[in-house]
Amino acid sequence: MKLIRGYYAYLAIAGGLLLQLVLQDNWMLQIVAYALISSGALSLQQVSRWFLRASIAADVCIGFEVVCGPAVLPSGLLRMVLEYASLVPLLLTGCMLLMAYMAQMREAGRSTLPEWAIFVVWSAGFILTLLMAPGWLNDIALPLIVTVVNTLMVLGYIALLADTFRAQKEYIRTEGEKP
Protein backbone atom coordinates (compact mmCIF):
# COMPACT_ATOMS: atom_id res chain seq x y z
CA MET A 1 0.00 0.00 0.00
CA LYS A 2 2.86 2.37 0.84
CA LEU A 3 4.44 1.70 -2.55
CA ILE A 4 1.23 2.54 -4.41
CA ARG A 5 0.65 5.70 -2.35
CA GLY A 6 4.20 6.86 -3.09
CA TYR A 7 3.79 6.09 -6.79
CA TYR A 8 0.68 8.26 -7.02
CA ALA A 9 2.23 10.99 -4.85
CA TYR A 10 5.06 11.39 -7.36
CA LEU A 11 2.49 11.43 -10.17
CA ALA A 12 0.61 14.22 -8.36
CA ILE A 13 3.80 16.27 -8.11
CA ALA A 14 4.58 15.65 -11.78
CA GLY A 15 1.03 16.56 -12.77
CA GLY A 16 1.24 19.79 -10.80
CA LEU A 17 4.54 20.72 -12.43
CA LEU A 18 3.13 19.94 -15.87
CA LEU A 19 0.05 22.09 -15.21
CA GLN A 20 2.28 24.94 -14.04
CA LEU A 21 4.35 24.72 -17.19
CA VAL A 22 1.53 24.40 -19.70
CA LEU A 23 -1.18 26.63 -18.21
CA GLN A 24 0.73 29.56 -16.70
CA ASP A 25 -1.94 32.15 -17.55
CA ASN A 26 -4.88 30.33 -15.96
CA TRP A 27 -4.85 31.34 -12.30
CA MET A 28 -7.48 28.79 -11.24
CA LEU A 29 -5.59 25.86 -12.73
CA GLN A 30 -2.42 27.20 -11.12
CA ILE A 31 -4.17 26.72 -7.77
CA VAL A 32 -4.97 23.14 -8.79
CA ALA A 33 -1.33 22.64 -9.79
CA TYR A 34 -0.07 23.88 -6.42
CA ALA A 35 -2.63 21.69 -4.66
CA LEU A 36 -1.38 18.64 -6.56
CA ILE A 37 2.22 19.43 -5.66
CA SER A 38 1.30 20.08 -2.03
CA SER A 39 -0.71 16.88 -1.63
CA GLY A 40 1.91 14.77 -3.38
CA ALA A 41 4.73 16.21 -1.32
CA LEU A 42 2.74 15.83 1.90
CA SER A 43 2.14 12.17 1.10
CA LEU A 44 5.91 11.67 0.76
CA GLN A 45 6.94 13.35 4.00
CA GLN A 46 8.09 9.99 5.43
CA VAL A 47 10.72 9.79 2.66
CA SER A 48 12.30 13.17 3.50
CA ARG A 49 11.40 16.17 5.64
CA TRP A 50 12.08 18.32 2.57
CA PHE A 51 8.81 17.09 1.10
CA LEU A 52 6.91 18.54 4.06
CA ARG A 53 8.65 21.88 3.54
CA ALA A 54 7.85 21.78 -0.19
CA SER A 55 4.21 21.12 0.67
CA ILE A 56 4.12 24.17 2.94
CA ALA A 57 5.76 26.33 0.26
CA ALA A 58 3.20 25.12 -2.30
CA ASP A 59 0.42 26.04 0.16
CA VAL A 60 1.88 29.56 0.40
CA CYS A 61 1.84 29.67 -3.41
CA ILE A 62 -1.87 28.82 -3.30
CA GLY A 63 -2.43 31.78 -0.96
CA PHE A 64 -0.59 34.13 -3.31
CA GLU A 65 -2.53 32.80 -6.30
CA VAL A 66 -5.85 33.42 -4.53
CA VAL A 67 -4.88 36.94 -3.44
CA CYS A 68 -3.45 37.85 -6.85
CA GLY A 69 -6.48 36.42 -8.67
CA PRO A 70 -8.51 38.73 -10.88
CA ALA A 71 -11.56 38.50 -8.58
CA VAL A 72 -9.63 39.74 -5.53
CA LEU A 73 -7.11 42.34 -6.63
CA PRO A 74 -7.57 44.66 -9.59
CA SER A 75 -4.63 45.44 -11.83
CA GLY A 76 -2.23 47.86 -10.26
CA LEU A 77 1.02 48.30 -8.41
CA LEU A 78 0.02 46.20 -5.37
CA ARG A 79 -0.97 43.26 -7.54
CA MET A 80 2.27 43.52 -9.53
CA VAL A 81 4.35 43.59 -6.34
CA LEU A 82 2.48 40.58 -4.96
CA GLU A 83 2.92 38.67 -8.22
CA TYR A 84 6.67 39.17 -8.05
CA ALA A 85 6.65 38.28 -4.35
CA SER A 86 4.80 35.06 -5.22
CA LEU A 87 7.84 33.94 -7.21
CA VAL A 88 9.79 33.46 -3.97
CA PRO A 89 7.65 30.60 -2.56
CA LEU A 90 7.50 29.07 -6.04
CA LEU A 91 11.30 29.18 -6.20
CA LEU A 92 11.44 27.60 -2.75
CA THR A 93 8.93 24.89 -3.69
CA GLY A 94 11.12 23.72 -6.56
CA CYS A 95 14.30 23.98 -4.50
CA MET A 96 12.80 21.99 -1.65
CA LEU A 97 11.56 19.31 -4.02
CA LEU A 98 15.09 19.10 -5.42
CA MET A 99 16.53 18.87 -1.90
CA ALA A 100 14.10 16.02 -1.16
CA TYR A 101 15.17 14.25 -4.34
CA MET A 102 18.83 14.78 -3.39
CA ALA A 103 18.28 13.30 0.06
CA GLN A 104 16.53 10.34 -1.50
CA MET A 105 19.31 9.78 -4.04
CA ARG A 106 22.02 10.16 -1.40
CA GLU A 107 20.29 7.58 0.78
CA ALA A 108 20.13 5.18 -2.18
CA GLY A 109 23.81 5.75 -3.00
CA ARG A 110 23.10 7.52 -6.29
CA SER A 111 24.77 10.61 -7.72
CA THR A 112 23.14 13.95 -6.90
CA LEU A 113 24.85 15.85 -9.72
CA PRO A 114 21.66 16.04 -11.85
CA GLU A 115 19.76 17.60 -8.95
CA TRP A 116 22.48 20.21 -8.44
CA ALA A 117 22.43 21.11 -12.13
CA ILE A 118 18.64 21.45 -12.09
CA PHE A 119 18.93 23.47 -8.88
CA VAL A 120 21.17 25.99 -10.66
CA VAL A 121 18.92 26.26 -13.73
CA TRP A 122 15.72 26.48 -11.66
CA SER A 123 17.11 29.12 -9.31
CA ALA A 124 18.74 31.20 -12.05
CA GLY A 125 15.46 31.61 -13.93
CA PHE A 126 13.59 32.89 -10.88
CA ILE A 127 16.42 35.03 -9.55
CA LEU A 128 16.88 36.75 -12.93
CA THR A 129 13.13 37.39 -13.05
CA LEU A 130 13.24 38.99 -9.61
CA LEU A 131 16.29 41.06 -10.55
CA MET A 132 14.74 42.45 -13.71
CA ALA A 133 11.47 43.36 -11.94
CA PRO A 134 12.54 46.81 -10.68
CA GLY A 135 13.34 47.92 -14.23
CA TRP A 136 17.07 48.44 -13.76
CA LEU A 137 17.95 46.95 -17.11
CA ASN A 138 18.49 49.20 -20.11
CA ASP A 139 16.62 48.79 -23.38
CA ILE A 140 19.44 46.83 -25.00
CA ALA A 141 19.84 44.20 -22.26
CA LEU A 142 16.15 43.68 -21.50
CA PRO A 143 15.19 41.58 -24.57
CA LEU A 144 18.24 39.36 -24.08
CA ILE A 145 17.52 38.82 -20.38
CA VAL A 146 13.84 38.12 -21.09
CA THR A 147 14.86 35.46 -23.62
CA VAL A 148 17.33 33.93 -21.16
CA VAL A 149 14.73 33.95 -18.35
CA ASN A 150 12.05 32.33 -20.52
CA THR A 151 14.49 29.65 -21.65
CA LEU A 152 15.72 28.95 -18.11
CA MET A 153 12.17 28.77 -16.74
CA VAL A 154 11.03 26.24 -19.34
CA LEU A 155 14.22 24.20 -18.97
CA GLY A 156 13.87 24.31 -15.19
CA TYR A 157 10.30 23.02 -15.27
CA ILE A 158 11.12 20.26 -17.77
CA ALA A 159 14.23 19.20 -15.83
CA LEU A 160 12.35 19.21 -12.51
CA LEU A 161 9.60 17.14 -14.10
CA ALA A 162 12.13 14.63 -15.44
CA ASP A 163 13.87 14.48 -12.06
CA THR A 164 10.54 13.80 -10.40
CA PHE A 165 10.22 10.66 -12.49
CA ARG A 166 13.83 9.74 -11.69
CA ALA A 167 13.07 10.07 -7.98
CA GLN A 168 9.86 8.07 -8.43
CA LYS A 169 11.79 5.26 -10.08
CA GLU A 170 14.30 5.24 -7.23
CA TYR A 171 11.49 5.30 -4.65
CA ILE A 172 9.81 2.29 -6.28
CA ARG A 173 13.13 0.44 -6.43
CA THR A 174 14.04 1.06 -2.79
CA GLU A 175 10.54 0.42 -1.45
CA GLY A 176 10.26 -2.76 -3.52
CA GLU A 177 13.49 -4.11 -2.00
CA LYS A 178 12.27 -3.59 1.58
CA PRO A 179 10.91 -6.70 3.30
C-alpha atoms as a PDB file:
ATOM      1  CA  MET A   1       0.000   0.000   0.000  1.00  0.00           C
ATOM      2  CA  LYS A   2       2.859   2.371   0.840  1.00  0.00           C
ATOM      3  CA  LEU A   3       4.436   1.696  -2.548  1.00  0.00           C
ATOM      4  CA  ILE A   4       1.228   2.540  -4.405  1.00  0.00           C
ATOM      5  CA  ARG A   5       0.652   5.698  -2.353  1.00  0.00           C
ATOM      6  CA  GLY A   6       4.202   6.862  -3.088  1.00  0.00           C
ATOM      7  CA  TYR A   7       3.786   6.095  -6.787  1.00  0.00           C
ATOM      8  CA  TYR A   8       0.682   8.263  -7.015  1.00  0.00           C
ATOM      9  CA  ALA A   9       2.228  10.990  -4.850  1.00  0.00           C
ATOM     10  CA  TYR A  10       5.055  11.395  -7.359  1.00  0.00           C
ATOM     11  CA  LEU A  11       2.492  11.433 -10.172  1.00  0.00           C
ATOM     12  CA  ALA A  12       0.612  14.222  -8.364  1.00  0.00           C
ATOM     13  CA  ILE A  13       3.804  16.269  -8.106  1.00  0.00           C
ATOM     14  CA  ALA A  14       4.581  15.650 -11.778  1.00  0.00           C
ATOM     15  CA  GLY A  15       1.025  16.561 -12.772  1.00  0.00           C
ATOM     16  CA  GLY A  16       1.245  19.794 -10.804  1.00  0.00           C
ATOM     17  CA  LEU A  17       4.541  20.715 -12.433  1.00  0.00           C
ATOM     18  CA  LEU A  18       3.129  19.939 -15.869  1.00  0.00           C
ATOM     19  CA  LEU A  19       0.046  22.090 -15.211  1.00  0.00           C
ATOM     20  CA  GLN A  20       2.277  24.943 -14.043  1.00  0.00           C
ATOM     21  CA  LEU A  21       4.350  24.725 -17.194  1.00  0.00           C
ATOM     22  CA  VAL A  22       1.530  24.398 -19.698  1.00  0.00           C
ATOM     23  CA  LEU A  23      -1.176  26.632 -18.206  1.00  0.00           C
ATOM     24  CA  GLN A  24       0.726  29.557 -16.701  1.00  0.00           C
ATOM     25  CA  ASP A  25      -1.937  32.146 -17.549  1.00  0.00           C
ATOM     26  CA  ASN A  26      -4.885  30.334 -15.957  1.00  0.00           C
ATOM     27  CA  TRP A  27      -4.847  31.335 -12.295  1.00  0.00           C
ATOM     28  CA  MET A  28      -7.479  28.794 -11.242  1.00  0.00           C
ATOM     29  CA  LEU A  29      -5.592  25.856 -12.735  1.00  0.00           C
ATOM     30  CA  GLN A  30      -2.415  27.201 -11.116  1.00  0.00           C
ATOM     31  CA  ILE A  31      -4.168  26.724  -7.770  1.00  0.00           C
ATOM     32  CA  VAL A  32      -4.970  23.138  -8.789  1.00  0.00           C
ATOM     33  CA  ALA A  33      -1.326  22.643  -9.794  1.00  0.00           C
ATOM     34  CA  TYR A  34      -0.065  23.883  -6.421  1.00  0.00           C
ATOM     35  CA  ALA A  35      -2.630  21.692  -4.658  1.00  0.00           C
ATOM     36  CA  LEU A  36      -1.375  18.643  -6.564  1.00  0.00           C
ATOM     37  CA  ILE A  37       2.220  19.434  -5.658  1.00  0.00           C
ATOM     38  CA  SER A  38       1.296  20.078  -2.032  1.00  0.00           C
ATOM     39  CA  SER A  39      -0.711  16.881  -1.632  1.00  0.00           C
ATOM     40  CA  GLY A  40       1.913  14.769  -3.385  1.00  0.00           C
ATOM     41  CA  ALA A  41       4.730  16.210  -1.315  1.00  0.00           C
ATOM     42  CA  LEU A  42       2.742  15.834   1.902  1.00  0.00           C
ATOM     43  CA  SER A  43       2.144  12.165   1.097  1.00  0.00           C
ATOM     44  CA  LEU A  44       5.908  11.666   0.761  1.00  0.00           C
ATOM     45  CA  GLN A  45       6.938  13.351   3.996  1.00  0.00           C
ATOM     46  CA  GLN A  46       8.089   9.987   5.427  1.00  0.00           C
ATOM     47  CA  VAL A  47      10.718   9.792   2.659  1.00  0.00           C
ATOM     48  CA  SER A  48      12.298  13.167   3.496  1.00  0.00           C
ATOM     49  CA  ARG A  49      11.401  16.167   5.637  1.00  0.00           C
ATOM     50  CA  TRP A  50      12.081  18.322   2.574  1.00  0.00           C
ATOM     51  CA  PHE A  51       8.806  17.089   1.097  1.00  0.00           C
ATOM     52  CA  LEU A  52       6.912  18.541   4.057  1.00  0.00           C
ATOM     53  CA  ARG A  53       8.655  21.877   3.536  1.00  0.00           C
ATOM     54  CA  ALA A  54       7.854  21.777  -0.192  1.00  0.00           C
ATOM     55  CA  SER A  55       4.212  21.121   0.675  1.00  0.00           C
ATOM     56  CA  ILE A  56       4.123  24.174   2.936  1.00  0.00           C
ATOM     57  CA  ALA A  57       5.756  26.334   0.256  1.00  0.00           C
ATOM     58  CA  ALA A  58       3.196  25.119  -2.296  1.00  0.00           C
ATOM     59  CA  ASP A  59       0.419  26.044   0.157  1.00  0.00           C
ATOM     60  CA  VAL A  60       1.879  29.557   0.405  1.00  0.00           C
ATOM     61  CA  CYS A  61       1.838  29.671  -3.413  1.00  0.00           C
ATOM     62  CA  ILE A  62      -1.874  28.823  -3.297  1.00  0.00           C
ATOM     63  CA  GLY A  63      -2.427  31.778  -0.963  1.00  0.00           C
ATOM     64  CA  PHE A  64      -0.588  34.130  -3.306  1.00  0.00           C
ATOM     65  CA  GLU A  65      -2.534  32.801  -6.304  1.00  0.00           C
ATOM     66  CA  VAL A  66      -5.849  33.423  -4.528  1.00  0.00           C
ATOM     67  CA  VAL A  67      -4.876  36.941  -3.438  1.00  0.00           C
ATOM     68  CA  CYS A  68      -3.454  37.848  -6.855  1.00  0.00           C
ATOM     69  CA  GLY A  69      -6.477  36.418  -8.672  1.00  0.00           C
ATOM     70  CA  PRO A  70      -8.512  38.728 -10.884  1.00  0.00           C
ATOM     71  CA  ALA A  71     -11.558  38.504  -8.583  1.00  0.00           C
ATOM     72  CA  VAL A  72      -9.632  39.737  -5.534  1.00  0.00           C
ATOM     73  CA  LEU A  73      -7.106  42.336  -6.626  1.00  0.00           C
ATOM     74  CA  PRO A  74      -7.570  44.657  -9.586  1.00  0.00           C
ATOM     75  CA  SER A  75      -4.627  45.438 -11.833  1.00  0.00           C
ATOM     76  CA  GLY A  76      -2.235  47.860 -10.255  1.00  0.00           C
ATOM     77  CA  LEU A  77       1.021  48.299  -8.406  1.00  0.00           C
ATOM     78  CA  LEU A  78       0.024  46.203  -5.370  1.00  0.00           C
ATOM     79  CA  ARG A  79      -0.966  43.258  -7.536  1.00  0.00           C
ATOM     80  CA  MET A  80       2.271  43.521  -9.534  1.00  0.00           C
ATOM     81  CA  VAL A  81       4.355  43.590  -6.343  1.00  0.00           C
ATOM     82  CA  LEU A  82       2.484  40.578  -4.961  1.00  0.00           C
ATOM     83  CA  GLU A  83       2.916  38.672  -8.218  1.00  0.00           C
ATOM     84  CA  TYR A  84       6.668  39.172  -8.047  1.00  0.00           C
ATOM     85  CA  ALA A  85       6.647  38.279  -4.352  1.00  0.00           C
ATOM     86  CA  SER A  86       4.796  35.062  -5.222  1.00  0.00           C
ATOM     87  CA  LEU A  87       7.839  33.937  -7.210  1.00  0.00           C
ATOM     88  CA  VAL A  88       9.789  33.459  -3.967  1.00  0.00           C
ATOM     89  CA  PRO A  89       7.652  30.604  -2.557  1.00  0.00           C
ATOM     90  CA  LEU A  90       7.502  29.073  -6.045  1.00  0.00           C
ATOM     91  CA  LEU A  91      11.299  29.175  -6.204  1.00  0.00           C
ATOM     92  CA  LEU A  92      11.437  27.604  -2.746  1.00  0.00           C
ATOM     93  CA  THR A  93       8.930  24.894  -3.691  1.00  0.00           C
ATOM     94  CA  GLY A  94      11.118  23.718  -6.560  1.00  0.00           C
ATOM     95  CA  CYS A  95      14.300  23.983  -4.505  1.00  0.00           C
ATOM     96  CA  MET A  96      12.798  21.989  -1.646  1.00  0.00           C
ATOM     97  CA  LEU A  97      11.565  19.307  -4.018  1.00  0.00           C
ATOM     98  CA  LEU A  98      15.093  19.095  -5.416  1.00  0.00           C
ATOM     99  CA  MET A  99      16.533  18.869  -1.899  1.00  0.00           C
ATOM    100  CA  ALA A 100      14.098  16.017  -1.158  1.00  0.00           C
ATOM    101  CA  TYR A 101      15.173  14.247  -4.340  1.00  0.00           C
ATOM    102  CA  MET A 102      18.834  14.781  -3.388  1.00  0.00           C
ATOM    103  CA  ALA A 103      18.277  13.295   0.062  1.00  0.00           C
ATOM    104  CA  GLN A 104      16.528  10.340  -1.502  1.00  0.00           C
ATOM    105  CA  MET A 105      19.309   9.779  -4.045  1.00  0.00           C
ATOM    106  CA  ARG A 106      22.018  10.163  -1.403  1.00  0.00           C
ATOM    107  CA  GLU A 107      20.289   7.577   0.782  1.00  0.00           C
ATOM    108  CA  ALA A 108      20.130   5.176  -2.175  1.00  0.00           C
ATOM    109  CA  GLY A 109      23.811   5.751  -3.001  1.00  0.00           C
ATOM    110  CA  ARG A 110      23.095   7.519  -6.294  1.00  0.00           C
ATOM    111  CA  SER A 111      24.767  10.615  -7.722  1.00  0.00           C
ATOM    112  CA  THR A 112      23.142  13.952  -6.897  1.00  0.00           C
ATOM    113  CA  LEU A 113      24.847  15.849  -9.719  1.00  0.00           C
ATOM    114  CA  PRO A 114      21.661  16.036 -11.852  1.00  0.00           C
ATOM    115  CA  GLU A 115      19.755  17.602  -8.948  1.00  0.00           C
ATOM    116  CA  TRP A 116      22.476  20.211  -8.436  1.00  0.00           C
ATOM    117  CA  ALA A 117      22.431  21.108 -12.133  1.00  0.00           C
ATOM    118  CA  ILE A 118      18.645  21.451 -12.086  1.00  0.00           C
ATOM    119  CA  PHE A 119      18.926  23.474  -8.884  1.00  0.00           C
ATOM    120  CA  VAL A 120      21.167  25.985 -10.658  1.00  0.00           C
ATOM    121  CA  VAL A 121      18.915  26.263 -13.727  1.00  0.00           C
ATOM    122  CA  TRP A 122      15.717  26.478 -11.657  1.00  0.00           C
ATOM    123  CA  SER A 123      17.114  29.118  -9.314  1.00  0.00           C
ATOM    124  CA  ALA A 124      18.741  31.205 -12.054  1.00  0.00           C
ATOM    125  CA  GLY A 125      15.458  31.613 -13.927  1.00  0.00           C
ATOM    126  CA  PHE A 126      13.590  32.886 -10.879  1.00  0.00           C
ATOM    127  CA  ILE A 127      16.421  35.033  -9.553  1.00  0.00           C
ATOM    128  CA  LEU A 128      16.879  36.749 -12.928  1.00  0.00           C
ATOM    129  CA  THR A 129      13.127  37.395 -13.053  1.00  0.00           C
ATOM    130  CA  LEU A 130      13.240  38.988  -9.615  1.00  0.00           C
ATOM    131  CA  LEU A 131      16.291  41.061 -10.547  1.00  0.00           C
ATOM    132  CA  MET A 132      14.738  42.450 -13.714  1.00  0.00           C
ATOM    133  CA  ALA A 133      11.471  43.358 -11.940  1.00  0.00           C
ATOM    134  CA  PRO A 134      12.537  46.812 -10.683  1.00  0.00           C
ATOM    135  CA  GLY A 135      13.343  47.922 -14.235  1.00  0.00           C
ATOM    136  CA  TRP A 136      17.067  48.436 -13.757  1.00  0.00           C
ATOM    137  CA  LEU A 137      17.952  46.953 -17.110  1.00  0.00           C
ATOM    138  CA  ASN A 138      18.492  49.201 -20.112  1.00  0.00           C
ATOM    139  CA  ASP A 139      16.624  48.793 -23.385  1.00  0.00           C
ATOM    140  CA  ILE A 140      19.437  46.828 -25.004  1.00  0.00           C
ATOM    141  CA  ALA A 141      19.840  44.205 -22.263  1.00  0.00           C
ATOM    142  CA  LEU A 142      16.146  43.685 -21.504  1.00  0.00           C
ATOM    143  CA  PRO A 143      15.194  41.579 -24.567  1.00  0.00           C
ATOM    144  CA  LEU A 144      18.239  39.359 -24.079  1.00  0.00           C
ATOM    145  CA  ILE A 145      17.516  38.823 -20.376  1.00  0.00           C
ATOM    146  CA  VAL A 146      13.838  38.119 -21.091  1.00  0.00           C
ATOM    147  CA  THR A 147      14.862  35.463 -23.618  1.00  0.00           C
ATOM    148  CA  VAL A 148      17.326  33.930 -21.155  1.00  0.00           C
ATOM    149  CA  VAL A 149      14.728  33.952 -18.351  1.00  0.00           C
ATOM    150  CA  ASN A 150      12.052  32.332 -20.519  1.00  0.00           C
ATOM    151  CA  THR A 151      14.492  29.650 -21.648  1.00  0.00           C
ATOM    152  CA  LEU A 152      15.717  28.954 -18.109  1.00  0.00           C
ATOM    153  CA  MET A 153      12.166  28.772 -16.743  1.00  0.00           C
ATOM    154  CA  VAL A 154      11.025  26.238 -19.338  1.00  0.00           C
ATOM    155  CA  LEU A 155      14.223  24.199 -18.968  1.00  0.00           C
ATOM    156  CA  GLY A 156      13.870  24.312 -15.190  1.00  0.00           C
ATOM    157  CA  TYR A 157      10.304  23.015 -15.272  1.00  0.00           C
ATOM    158  CA  ILE A 158      11.124  20.255 -17.771  1.00  0.00           C
ATOM    159  CA  ALA A 159      14.228  19.200 -15.834  1.00  0.00           C
ATOM    160  CA  LEU A 160      12.352  19.213 -12.512  1.00  0.00           C
ATOM    161  CA  LEU A 161       9.600  17.142 -14.099  1.00  0.00           C
ATOM    162  CA  ALA A 162      12.130  14.631 -15.440  1.00  0.00           C
ATOM    163  CA  ASP A 163      13.870  14.479 -12.064  1.00  0.00           C
ATOM    164  CA  THR A 164      10.537  13.800 -10.397  1.00  0.00           C
ATOM    165  CA  PHE A 165      10.220  10.659 -12.490  1.00  0.00           C
ATOM    166  CA  ARG A 166      13.826   9.744 -11.693  1.00  0.00           C
ATOM    167  CA  ALA A 167      13.071  10.072  -7.980  1.00  0.00           C
ATOM    168  CA  GLN A 168       9.863   8.075  -8.431  1.00  0.00           C
ATOM    169  CA  LYS A 169      11.788   5.260 -10.078  1.00  0.00           C
ATOM    170  CA  GLU A 170      14.304   5.242  -7.228  1.00  0.00           C
ATOM    171  CA  TYR A 171      11.492   5.295  -4.650  1.00  0.00           C
ATOM    172  CA  ILE A 172       9.808   2.293  -6.280  1.00  0.00           C
ATOM    173  CA  ARG A 173      13.126   0.438  -6.434  1.00  0.00           C
ATOM    174  CA  THR A 174      14.036   1.059  -2.795  1.00  0.00           C
ATOM    175  CA  GLU A 175      10.540   0.423  -1.450  1.00  0.00           C
ATOM    176  CA  GLY A 176      10.260  -2.756  -3.524  1.00  0.00           C
ATOM    177  CA  GLU A 177      13.485  -4.107  -1.996  1.00  0.00           C
ATOM    178  CA  LYS A 178      12.274  -3.589   1.582  1.00  0.00           C
ATOM    179  CA  PRO A 179      10.909  -6.700   3.296  1.00  0.00           C
END
